[in-house]
């Protein structure tokens, strides 16, 4: 079974981000192991109250780049409970751990 890392750097309301959310759900429903990494403006999708990840399966690991979160004036306290803050080293580890990487930029 493949493990897939989805990278999203667009605002949650963008077409690319919407496609990434749908792709992540579909792959998960098909039995794929999926992780989501949000960076740049994509981190906004992980904020508490943001509807983007509301229906995202909790089994899908979700990460945000801490630097991008801080650059936008947010702290980890503003994130949904299922989201983990990560750094570039963790992103590099995730690249190595997954068999496929899909960028929904």
C-alpha atoms as a PDB file:
ATOM      1  CA  UNK A   1       0.000   0.000   0.000  1.00  0.00           C
ATOM      2  CA  UNK A   2       1.270   3.454  -0.893  1.00  0.00           C
ATOM      3  CA  UNK A   3       1.614   6.221   1.625  1.00  0.00           C
ATOM      4  CA  UNK A   4       0.863   9.635   0.213  1.00  0.00           C
ATOM      5  CA  UNK A   5       1.904  13.056   1.455  1.00  0.00           C
ATOM      6  CA  UNK A   6      -0.250  15.949   0.218  1.00  0.00           C
ATOM      7  CA  UNK A   7       1.363  19.394   0.280  1.00  0.00           C
ATOM      8  CA  UNK A   8      -0.952  22.402   0.239  1.00  0.00           C
ATOM      9  CA  UNK A   9       0.239  25.998   0.161  1.00  0.00           C
ATOM     10  CA  UNK A  10      -2.916  27.796  -1.055  1.00  0.00           C
ATOM     11  CA  UNK A  11      -5.592  29.512   0.984  1.00  0.00           C
ATOM     12  CA  UNK A  12      -8.363  27.097   2.028  1.00  0.00           C
ATOM     13  CA  UNK A  13     -10.906  28.657  -0.308  1.00  0.00           C
ATOM     14  CA  UNK A  14      -8.746  28.208  -3.416  1.00  0.00           C
ATOM     15  CA  UNK A  15      -9.577  25.640  -6.087  1.00  0.00           C
ATOM     16  CA  UNK A  16      -6.253  23.863  -5.501  1.00  0.00           C
ATOM     17  CA  UNK A  17      -6.843  23.515  -1.766  1.00  0.00           C
ATOM     18  CA  UNK A  18     -10.406  22.304  -2.329  1.00  0.00           C
ATOM     19  CA  UNK A  19      -9.119  19.669  -4.748  1.00  0.00           C
ATOM     20  CA  UNK A  20      -6.481  18.602  -2.222  1.00  0.00           C
ATOM     21  CA  UNK A  21      -9.099  18.136   0.535  1.00  0.00           C
ATOM     22  CA  UNK A  22     -11.215  16.031  -1.828  1.00  0.00           C
ATOM     23  CA  UNK A  23      -8.230  14.028  -3.043  1.00  0.00           C
ATOM     24  CA  UNK A  24      -7.149  13.317   0.529  1.00  0.00           C
ATOM     25  CA  UNK A  25     -10.622  12.081   1.487  1.00  0.00           C
ATOM     26  CA  UNK A  26     -10.913   9.952  -1.666  1.00  0.00           C
ATOM     27  CA  UNK A  27      -7.491   8.346  -1.234  1.00  0.00           C
ATOM     28  CA  UNK A  28      -8.271   7.631   2.418  1.00  0.00           C
ATOM     29  CA  UNK A  29     -11.606   6.032   1.458  1.00  0.00           C
ATOM     30  CA  UNK A  30      -9.705   3.843  -1.018  1.00  0.00           C
ATOM     31  CA  UNK A  31      -7.522   2.544   1.808  1.00  0.00           C
ATOM     32  CA  UNK A  32      -4.422   4.648   1.135  1.00  0.00           C
ATOM     33  CA  UNK A  33      -2.334   5.992   3.991  1.00  0.00           C
ATOM     34  CA  UNK A  34      -2.536   9.784   3.657  1.00  0.00           C
ATOM     35  CA  UNK A  35      -0.813  12.675   5.444  1.00  0.00           C
ATOM     36  CA  UNK A  36      -1.438  16.367   4.857  1.00  0.00           C
ATOM     37  CA  UNK A  37       1.195  19.086   5.208  1.00  0.00           C
ATOM     38  CA  UNK A  38       0.062  22.717   5.106  1.00  0.00           C
ATOM     39  CA  UNK A  39       2.541  25.473   4.412  1.00  0.00           C
ATOM     40  CA  UNK A  40       2.507  29.129   3.376  1.00  0.00           C
ATOM     41  CA  UNK A  41      -1.144  30.292   3.162  1.00  0.00           C
ATOM     42  CA  UNK A  42      -2.274  26.677   3.444  1.00  0.00           C
ATOM     43  CA  UNK A  43      -1.730  26.852   7.219  1.00  0.00           C
ATOM     44  CA  UNK A  44      -4.898  28.936   7.445  1.00  0.00           C
ATOM     45  CA  UNK A  45      -6.891  25.785   6.717  1.00  0.00           C
ATOM     46  CA  UNK A  46      -5.797  24.288  10.048  1.00  0.00           C
ATOM     47  CA  UNK A  47      -7.133  27.091  12.219  1.00  0.00           C
ATOM     48  CA  UNK A  48      -9.902  26.288  14.673  1.00  0.00           C
ATOM     49  CA  UNK A  49     -13.218  27.353  13.181  1.00  0.00           C
ATOM     50  CA  UNK A  50     -11.993  27.146   9.595  1.00  0.00           C
ATOM     51  CA  UNK A  51     -14.397  24.864   7.705  1.00  0.00           C
ATOM     52  CA  UNK A  52     -11.727  23.452   5.362  1.00  0.00           C
ATOM     53  CA  UNK A  53     -10.785  20.456   7.515  1.00  0.00           C
ATOM     54  CA  UNK A  54     -14.104  20.050   9.299  1.00  0.00           C
ATOM     55  CA  UNK A  55     -15.018  16.891   7.381  1.00  0.00           C
ATOM     56  CA  UNK A  56     -11.457  15.648   6.952  1.00  0.00           C
ATOM     57  CA  UNK A  57     -11.045  12.128   8.400  1.00  0.00           C
ATOM     58  CA  UNK A  58      -9.276  12.302  11.775  1.00  0.00           C
ATOM     59  CA  UNK A  59      -7.121   9.310  10.776  1.00  0.00           C
ATOM     60  CA  UNK A  60      -5.286  11.505   8.281  1.00  0.00           C
ATOM     61  CA  UNK A  61      -2.235  13.037   9.937  1.00  0.00           C
ATOM     62  CA  UNK A  62      -2.216  16.799   9.455  1.00  0.00           C
ATOM     63  CA  UNK A  63       0.828  19.030   9.899  1.00  0.00           C
ATOM     64  CA  UNK A  64       1.435  22.763   9.583  1.00  0.00           C
ATOM     65  CA  UNK A  65       4.759  24.480   9.120  1.00  0.00           C
ATOM     66  CA  UNK A  66       5.297  26.362  12.385  1.00  0.00           C
ATOM     67  CA  UNK A  67       7.269  29.169  10.749  1.00  0.00           C
ATOM     68  CA  UNK A  68       4.471  29.927   8.302  1.00  0.00           C
ATOM     69  CA  UNK A  69       1.905  29.832  11.088  1.00  0.00           C
ATOM     70  CA  UNK A  70       3.941  32.335  13.127  1.00  0.00           C
ATOM     71  CA  UNK A  71       4.543  34.579  10.088  1.00  0.00           C
ATOM     72  CA  UNK A  72       0.776  34.910   9.764  1.00  0.00           C
ATOM     73  CA  UNK A  73       0.426  35.910  13.413  1.00  0.00           C
ATOM     74  CA  UNK A  74      -1.039  32.667  14.785  1.00  0.00           C
ATOM     75  CA  UNK A  75       0.063  30.368  17.580  1.00  0.00           C
ATOM     76  CA  UNK A  76      -0.459  26.612  17.873  1.00  0.00           C
ATOM     77  CA  UNK A  77      -3.261  27.377  20.360  1.00  0.00           C
ATOM     78  CA  UNK A  78      -5.384  28.518  17.393  1.00  0.00           C
ATOM     79  CA  UNK A  79      -5.112  25.158  15.582  1.00  0.00           C
ATOM     80  CA  UNK A  80      -7.631  22.343  15.359  1.00  0.00           C
ATOM     81  CA  UNK A  81      -6.897  19.545  17.827  1.00  0.00           C
ATOM     82  CA  UNK A  82      -5.811  17.029  15.161  1.00  0.00           C
ATOM     83  CA  UNK A  83      -3.091  19.307  13.711  1.00  0.00           C
ATOM     84  CA  UNK A  84       0.587  19.004  14.602  1.00  0.00           C
ATOM     85  CA  UNK A  85       3.104  21.822  14.272  1.00  0.00           C
ATOM     86  CA  UNK A  86       6.199  20.782  12.338  1.00  0.00           C
ATOM     87  CA  UNK A  87       9.443  22.276  11.109  1.00  0.00           C
ATOM     88  CA  UNK A  88      11.458  21.772   7.916  1.00  0.00           C
ATOM     89  CA  UNK A  89      13.306  18.794   9.407  1.00  0.00           C
ATOM     90  CA  UNK A  90       9.981  17.048  10.068  1.00  0.00           C
ATOM     91  CA  UNK A  91       8.885  17.845   6.508  1.00  0.00           C
ATOM     92  CA  UNK A  92      12.079  16.216   5.191  1.00  0.00           C
ATOM     93  CA  UNK A  93      11.328  13.147   7.350  1.00  0.00           C
ATOM     94  CA  UNK A  94       7.810  12.984   5.934  1.00  0.00           C
ATOM     95  CA  UNK A  95       9.202  13.079   2.401  1.00  0.00           C
ATOM     96  CA  UNK A  96      11.349  10.063   3.242  1.00  0.00           C
ATOM     97  CA  UNK A  97       8.503   8.180   4.972  1.00  0.00           C
ATOM     98  CA  UNK A  98       5.983   8.453   2.136  1.00  0.00           C
ATOM     99  CA  UNK A  99       6.150   6.652  -1.181  1.00  0.00           C
ATOM    100  CA  UNK A 100       4.428   9.497  -3.049  1.00  0.00           C
ATOM    101  CA  UNK A 101       4.270  13.252  -2.631  1.00  0.00           C
ATOM    102  CA  UNK A 102       1.559  15.297  -4.313  1.00  0.00           C
ATOM    103  CA  UNK A 103       1.780  19.080  -4.336  1.00  0.00           C
ATOM    104  CA  UNK A 104      -1.536  20.889  -4.568  1.00  0.00           C
ATOM    105  CA  UNK A 105       0.018  24.296  -4.905  1.00  0.00           C
END
